[in-house]
C-alpha atoms as a PDB file:
ATOM      1  CA  MET A   1     -70.877  29.947  10.566  1.00  0.00           C
ATOM      2  CA  THR A   2     -72.769  31.714   8.362  1.00  0.00           C
ATOM      3  CA  GLN A   3     -76.352  32.211   8.816  1.00  0.00           C
ATOM      4  CA  SER A   4     -78.814  33.605   6.361  1.00  0.00           C
ATOM      5  CA  LYS A   5     -82.553  33.922   6.350  1.00  0.00           C
ATOM      6  CA  ASP A   6     -84.524  33.763   3.278  1.00  0.00           C
ATOM      7  CA  GLY A   7     -87.204  36.085   2.651  1.00  0.00           C
ATOM      8  CA  ASN A   8     -89.451  35.822   5.139  1.00  0.00           C
ATOM      9  CA  GLY A   9     -86.910  36.451   7.549  1.00  0.00           C
ATOM     10  CA  HIS A  10     -86.689  33.144   9.088  1.00  0.00           C
ATOM     11  CA  GLN A  11     -83.190  31.584   9.420  1.00  0.00           C
ATOM     12  CA  GLU A  12     -81.748  28.910   6.794  1.00  0.00           C
ATOM     13  CA  GLU A  13     -80.914  25.411   9.093  1.00  0.00           C
ATOM     14  CA  TYR A  14     -76.843  25.377   9.569  1.00  0.00           C
ATOM     15  CA  ASP A  15     -74.888  22.453   7.872  1.00  0.00           C
ATOM     16  CA  PRO A  16     -71.463  22.633   8.705  1.00  0.00           C
ATOM     17  CA  GLU A  17     -68.656  21.902   6.632  1.00  0.00           C
ATOM     18  CA  VAL A  18     -66.852  19.595   9.159  1.00  0.00           C
ATOM     19  CA  GLU A  19     -68.776  17.981  12.097  1.00  0.00           C
ATOM     20  CA  PHE A  20     -66.910  17.238  14.879  1.00  0.00           C
ATOM     21  CA  ARG A  21     -68.797  14.684  17.655  1.00  0.00           C
ATOM     22  CA  TYR A  22     -66.706  14.292  21.221  1.00  0.00           C
ATOM     23  CA  LEU A  23     -65.630   9.853  21.798  1.00  0.00           C
ATOM     24  CA  ASP A  24     -63.239  10.675  23.980  1.00  0.00           C
ATOM     25  CA  ALA A  25     -60.624  12.115  25.958  1.00  0.00           C
ATOM     26  CA  ASP A  26     -59.625  14.807  23.693  1.00  0.00           C
ATOM     27  CA  VAL A  27     -60.285  12.069  20.744  1.00  0.00           C
ATOM     28  CA  TRP A  28     -63.115  13.256  18.066  1.00  0.00           C
ATOM     29  CA  VAL A  29     -64.447  12.250  15.453  1.00  0.00           C
ATOM     30  CA  LYS A  30     -64.141  14.513  12.355  1.00  0.00           C
ATOM     31  CA  THR A  31     -67.354  13.913   9.576  1.00  0.00           C
ATOM     32  CA  ASP A  32     -67.224  16.586   6.432  1.00  0.00           C
ATOM     33  CA  ALA A  33     -70.120  17.736   4.174  1.00  0.00           C
ATOM     34  CA  GLU A  34     -69.366  13.958   1.616  1.00  0.00           C
ATOM     35  CA  GLY A  35     -70.134  11.717   5.542  1.00  0.00           C
ATOM     36  CA  ASN A  36     -66.325  10.934   5.813  1.00  0.00           C
ATOM     37  CA  GLN A  37     -64.735  10.472   8.982  1.00  0.00           C
ATOM     38  CA  ASP A  38     -61.240  10.757  10.479  1.00  0.00           C
ATOM     39  CA  VAL A  39     -59.915  10.954  14.023  1.00  0.00           C
ATOM     40  CA  ALA A  40     -59.396  14.530  15.362  1.00  0.00           C
ATOM     41  CA  TYR A  41     -58.331  15.665  18.489  1.00  0.00           C
ATOM     42  CA  THR A  42     -58.979  18.907  20.314  1.00  0.00           C
ATOM     43  CA  GLN A  43     -56.331  21.160  19.497  1.00  0.00           C
ATOM     44  CA  ASP A  44     -57.460  21.091  15.773  1.00  0.00           C
ATOM     45  CA  VAL A  45     -61.226  21.116  17.097  1.00  0.00           C
ATOM     46  CA  LEU A  46     -60.056  24.591  18.842  1.00  0.00           C
ATOM     47  CA  GLU A  47     -58.305  25.283  15.407  1.00  0.00           C
ATOM     48  CA  ALA A  48     -61.570  25.309  12.986  1.00  0.00           C
ATOM     49  CA  LEU A  49     -63.324  26.930  15.682  1.00  0.00           C
ATOM     50  CA  GLU A  50     -61.099  30.101  15.736  1.00  0.00           C
ATOM     51  CA  GLU A  51     -60.839  29.590  11.691  1.00  0.00           C
ATOM     52  CA  ASP A  52     -64.938  29.490  11.508  1.00  0.00           C
ATOM     53  CA  GLU A  53     -64.364  33.305  13.716  1.00  0.00           C
ATOM     54  CA  GLU A  54     -61.753  34.580  11.483  1.00  0.00           C
ATOM     55  CA  SER A  55     -64.097  33.976   8.422  1.00  0.00           C
ATOM     56  CA  ASP A  56     -67.254  35.639  10.202  1.00  0.00           C
ATOM     57  CA  SER A  57     -66.064  38.151  11.316  1.00  0.00           C
ATOM     58  CA  GLU A  58     -64.212  38.861   7.613  1.00  0.00           C
ATOM     59  CA  ASP A  59     -67.601  38.180   6.698  1.00  0.00           C
ATOM     60  CA  ASP A  60     -69.189  41.665   8.468  1.00  0.00           C
END
Protein backbone atom coordinates (compact mmCIF):
# COMPACT_ATOMS: atom_id res chain seq x y z
CA MET A 1 0.00 0.00 0.00
CA THR A 2 1.48 3.32 -1.01
CA GLN A 3 0.39 6.66 0.35
CA SER A 4 1.92 9.91 -0.77
CA LYS A 5 1.66 13.42 0.57
CA ASP A 6 0.62 16.45 -1.40
CA GLY A 7 2.42 19.79 -1.16
CA ASN A 8 0.60 20.65 2.07
CA GLY A 9 1.73 17.50 3.87
CA HIS A 10 -1.70 15.87 3.74
CA GLN A 11 -1.97 12.27 2.71
CA GLU A 12 -3.88 11.56 -0.48
CA GLU A 13 -6.85 9.21 -0.31
CA TYR A 14 -5.89 5.55 -0.70
CA ASP A 15 -7.28 4.12 -3.95
CA PRO A 16 -6.64 0.36 -4.16
CA GLU A 17 -6.22 -1.41 -7.49
CA VAL A 18 -8.21 -4.35 -6.13
CA GLU A 19 -10.72 -4.32 -3.31
CA PHE A 20 -11.98 -7.35 -1.41
CA ARG A 21 -15.34 -7.43 0.40
CA TYR A 22 -16.16 -10.26 2.81
CA LEU A 23 -19.22 -12.20 1.68
CA ASP A 24 -19.55 -15.35 3.79
CA ALA A 25 -17.52 -18.21 5.25
CA ASP A 26 -14.26 -17.96 3.29
CA VAL A 27 -15.91 -16.28 0.27
CA TRP A 28 -15.08 -12.73 -0.78
CA VAL A 29 -16.04 -10.44 -3.65
CA LYS A 30 -13.00 -9.08 -5.52
CA THR A 31 -13.52 -5.73 -7.27
CA ASP A 32 -10.82 -4.30 -9.54
CA ALA A 33 -10.23 -0.66 -10.49
CA GLU A 34 -12.62 -0.94 -13.45
CA GLY A 35 -15.45 -2.19 -11.20
CA ASN A 36 -15.33 -5.80 -12.40
CA GLN A 37 -16.35 -8.25 -9.67
CA ASP A 38 -15.30 -11.86 -9.19
CA VAL A 39 -15.45 -14.49 -6.46
CA ALA A 40 -12.31 -14.82 -4.32
CA TYR A 41 -11.43 -16.94 -1.32
CA THR A 42 -9.55 -16.15 1.88
CA GLN A 43 -6.33 -17.60 0.44
CA ASP A 44 -6.59 -15.16 -2.51
CA VAL A 45 -6.99 -12.23 -0.09
CA LEU A 46 -3.98 -13.35 1.99
CA GLU A 47 -1.82 -13.67 -1.14
CA ALA A 48 -2.85 -10.18 -2.30
CA LEU A 49 -1.93 -8.76 1.11
CA GLU A 50 1.47 -10.47 1.00
CA GLU A 51 2.13 -9.07 -2.50
CA ASP A 52 1.12 -5.59 -1.33
CA GLU A 53 3.47 -5.81 1.67
CA GLU A 54 6.33 -6.95 -0.58
CA SER A 55 5.78 -4.05 -2.98
CA ASP A 56 5.68 -1.59 -0.06
CA SER A 57 8.98 -2.88 1.31
CA GLU A 58 10.58 -2.53 -2.15
CA ASP A 59 9.46 1.13 -2.31
CA ASP A 60 11.29 2.03 0.93
